[in-house]
Amino acid sequence: MRVATAAALIVATLLSVPPAMATGTLDCYVDDEGTKIGVHGIVPYGNSATLLQVEAEVDAKMPGISADLAETSFSSDHQIQFWLDDLSLNVMLYREREVAALPFGATKLTIKTTRTNDDEEGVYHGRYDVLVYEMPEGGDVAGKSHEKGDIECVAG
């Protein structure tokens, strides 16, 4: 009887343990003339997984854009989209201005990359797009500014 009870407890314990999930890191970096971008996070390998522990910085010098929007920090809370498979890696981050005394403003970072079979495993090449929306004081139409360029990401 004790053996049957012990066996049942062992089986129940093993069935209640969730499966282990593999993780890796994500690093994207660019330092173009006028634009610096750094994105770092933990990549979970599994269905419907989101990027974890996101830390990202954008410093895009754009004419007519306030410094608080051109220099934006992102965290996991600002992640809109993340996609990683064998041949593509896409990340979208979005953050609205949090200073209530200022008019609406937001910064969106989009990274779209691919990997060819010739590329080293885990290295993705593509483009970034920094889009800044800013409502002028007393205005009713938000202005937009773009900064685009090439970026490389490593995920693994």
Protein backbone atom coordinates (compact mmCIF):
# COMPACT_ATOMS: atom_id res chain seq x y z
CA MET A 1 0.00 0.00 0.00
CA ARG A 2 2.84 2.42 0.85
CA VAL A 3 4.51 1.71 -2.49
CA ALA A 4 1.30 2.49 -4.39
CA THR A 5 0.80 5.72 -2.44
CA ALA A 6 4.41 6.78 -2.98
CA ALA A 7 4.18 5.97 -6.69
CA ALA A 8 0.96 7.98 -7.00
CA LEU A 9 2.59 10.96 -5.25
CA ILE A 10 5.63 10.78 -7.54
CA VAL A 11 3.46 10.64 -10.67
CA ALA A 12 1.31 13.54 -9.44
CA THR A 13 4.41 15.60 -8.69
CA LEU A 14 5.93 14.94 -12.11
CA LEU A 15 2.69 15.80 -13.90
CA SER A 16 2.37 19.10 -12.03
CA VAL A 17 5.82 20.38 -13.05
CA PRO A 18 5.54 22.75 -16.03
CA PRO A 19 7.78 22.05 -19.02
CA ALA A 20 11.09 23.89 -19.11
CA MET A 21 11.30 26.78 -21.55
CA ALA A 22 14.49 27.61 -23.34
CA THR A 23 15.54 31.25 -23.53
CA GLY A 24 18.20 33.29 -25.26
CA THR A 25 19.11 36.94 -25.59
CA LEU A 26 18.26 39.64 -28.11
CA ASP A 27 20.60 42.50 -28.90
CA CYS A 28 20.04 45.10 -31.62
CA TYR A 29 22.31 48.09 -31.97
CA VAL A 30 22.89 50.92 -34.41
CA ASP A 31 24.94 54.09 -34.19
CA ASP A 32 24.21 56.02 -37.39
CA GLU A 33 24.81 59.68 -37.93
CA GLY A 34 22.14 61.29 -35.76
CA THR A 35 20.54 58.05 -34.53
CA LYS A 36 21.52 55.63 -31.79
CA ILE A 37 19.39 52.59 -30.97
CA GLY A 38 19.96 49.80 -28.46
CA VAL A 39 17.44 47.03 -27.81
CA HIS A 40 18.09 44.25 -25.33
CA GLY A 41 15.85 41.50 -24.01
CA ILE A 42 15.36 37.85 -23.27
CA VAL A 43 13.95 35.70 -26.06
CA PRO A 44 11.72 32.84 -24.95
CA TYR A 45 11.50 30.01 -27.45
CA GLY A 46 7.93 28.85 -27.50
CA ASN A 47 4.53 29.48 -29.06
CA SER A 48 3.01 32.90 -28.45
CA ALA A 49 5.96 34.01 -26.34
CA THR A 50 6.73 37.69 -25.88
CA LEU A 51 10.10 39.34 -25.49
CA LEU A 52 11.02 39.49 -21.79
CA GLN A 53 12.85 42.12 -19.73
CA VAL A 54 13.01 44.63 -22.58
CA GLU A 55 15.39 47.53 -22.23
CA ALA A 56 15.64 49.84 -25.22
CA GLU A 57 16.95 53.32 -25.92
CA VAL A 58 16.37 55.53 -28.93
CA ASP A 59 18.28 58.75 -29.46
CA ALA A 60 17.19 60.16 -32.81
CA LYS A 61 18.10 63.76 -33.53
CA MET A 62 15.20 65.01 -35.64
CA PRO A 63 14.60 68.65 -36.51
CA GLY A 64 11.64 70.17 -34.66
CA ILE A 65 11.12 67.25 -32.26
CA SER A 66 11.25 67.75 -28.49
CA ALA A 67 14.17 66.11 -26.71
CA ASP A 68 11.91 63.96 -24.49
CA LEU A 69 10.50 62.24 -27.59
CA ALA A 70 13.73 62.03 -29.58
CA GLU A 71 15.48 60.42 -26.59
CA THR A 72 13.10 57.68 -25.47
CA SER A 73 13.58 54.71 -23.15
CA PHE A 74 11.40 51.64 -23.55
CA SER A 75 10.64 48.70 -21.25
CA SER A 76 8.57 45.52 -21.53
CA ASP A 77 5.43 47.59 -20.92
CA HIS A 78 6.00 49.35 -24.25
CA GLN A 79 6.23 46.23 -26.39
CA ILE A 80 3.51 46.10 -29.04
CA GLN A 81 4.81 43.28 -31.20
CA PHE A 82 7.56 40.67 -31.21
CA TRP A 83 8.08 38.00 -33.84
CA LEU A 84 10.97 35.56 -34.09
CA ASP A 85 11.27 32.51 -36.27
CA ASP A 86 14.05 30.85 -38.20
CA LEU A 87 14.20 33.56 -40.89
CA SER A 88 12.68 36.74 -39.44
CA LEU A 89 12.85 38.91 -36.34
CA ASN A 90 10.48 41.85 -35.84
CA VAL A 91 10.09 44.12 -32.82
CA MET A 92 7.74 47.08 -32.30
CA LEU A 93 7.90 49.36 -29.27
CA TYR A 94 5.62 52.35 -28.58
CA ARG A 95 5.68 54.89 -25.79
CA GLU A 96 3.54 57.95 -25.21
CA ARG A 97 4.76 61.09 -23.50
CA GLU A 98 4.05 60.88 -19.78
CA VAL A 99 4.32 64.57 -18.88
CA ALA A 100 0.73 65.75 -18.42
CA ALA A 101 1.65 69.44 -18.80
CA LEU A 102 2.84 68.86 -22.37
CA PRO A 103 0.67 68.08 -25.40
CA PHE A 104 0.37 64.55 -26.76
CA GLY A 105 3.52 62.97 -28.12
CA ALA A 106 4.69 59.42 -28.79
CA THR A 107 7.71 57.53 -30.12
CA LYS A 108 7.43 54.25 -32.02
CA LEU A 109 10.39 52.03 -32.89
CA THR A 110 9.89 49.32 -35.50
CA ILE A 111 12.61 46.81 -36.35
CA LYS A 112 12.12 44.37 -39.24
CA THR A 113 14.93 41.95 -40.00
CA THR A 114 15.55 38.69 -41.81
CA ARG A 115 18.19 36.02 -41.86
CA THR A 116 19.24 34.18 -44.98
CA ASN A 117 20.60 30.66 -45.02
CA ASP A 118 24.03 32.18 -45.71
CA ASP A 119 23.97 34.31 -42.54
CA GLU A 120 25.47 33.11 -39.31
CA GLU A 121 22.81 31.48 -37.17
CA GLY A 122 21.09 34.01 -34.94
CA VAL A 123 22.23 37.11 -36.89
CA TYR A 124 19.44 39.14 -38.50
CA HIS A 125 19.88 42.12 -40.84
CA GLY A 126 17.19 44.64 -41.70
CA ARG A 127 15.81 48.11 -41.19
CA TYR A 128 14.66 50.26 -38.31
CA ASP A 129 12.08 53.03 -38.39
CA VAL A 130 11.72 55.60 -35.62
CA LEU A 131 8.43 57.45 -35.92
CA VAL A 132 7.70 60.38 -33.61
CA TYR A 133 4.26 61.95 -33.26
CA GLU A 134 4.04 65.32 -31.57
CA MET A 135 1.02 67.55 -31.09
CA PRO A 136 2.08 71.20 -31.29
CA GLU A 137 1.10 73.59 -28.49
CA GLY A 138 -2.43 74.79 -29.25
CA GLY A 139 -2.48 72.76 -32.46
CA ASP A 140 -4.93 70.15 -33.57
CA VAL A 141 -2.79 68.13 -36.00
CA ALA A 142 0.06 65.97 -34.78
CA GLY A 143 3.30 66.28 -36.67
CA LYS A 144 5.28 63.18 -37.68
CA SER A 145 8.99 62.68 -38.11
CA HIS A 146 10.76 59.59 -39.46
CA GLU A 147 14.28 58.30 -39.09
CA LYS A 148 15.15 55.10 -40.96
CA GLY A 149 18.27 53.04 -41.46
CA ASP A 150 19.97 49.66 -41.35
CA ILE A 151 20.21 47.58 -38.18
CA GLU A 152 21.69 44.25 -37.11
CA CYS A 153 20.22 42.05 -34.38
CA VAL A 154 21.58 38.95 -32.70
CA ALA A 155 19.14 36.50 -31.14
CA GLY A 156 20.19 33.25 -29.58
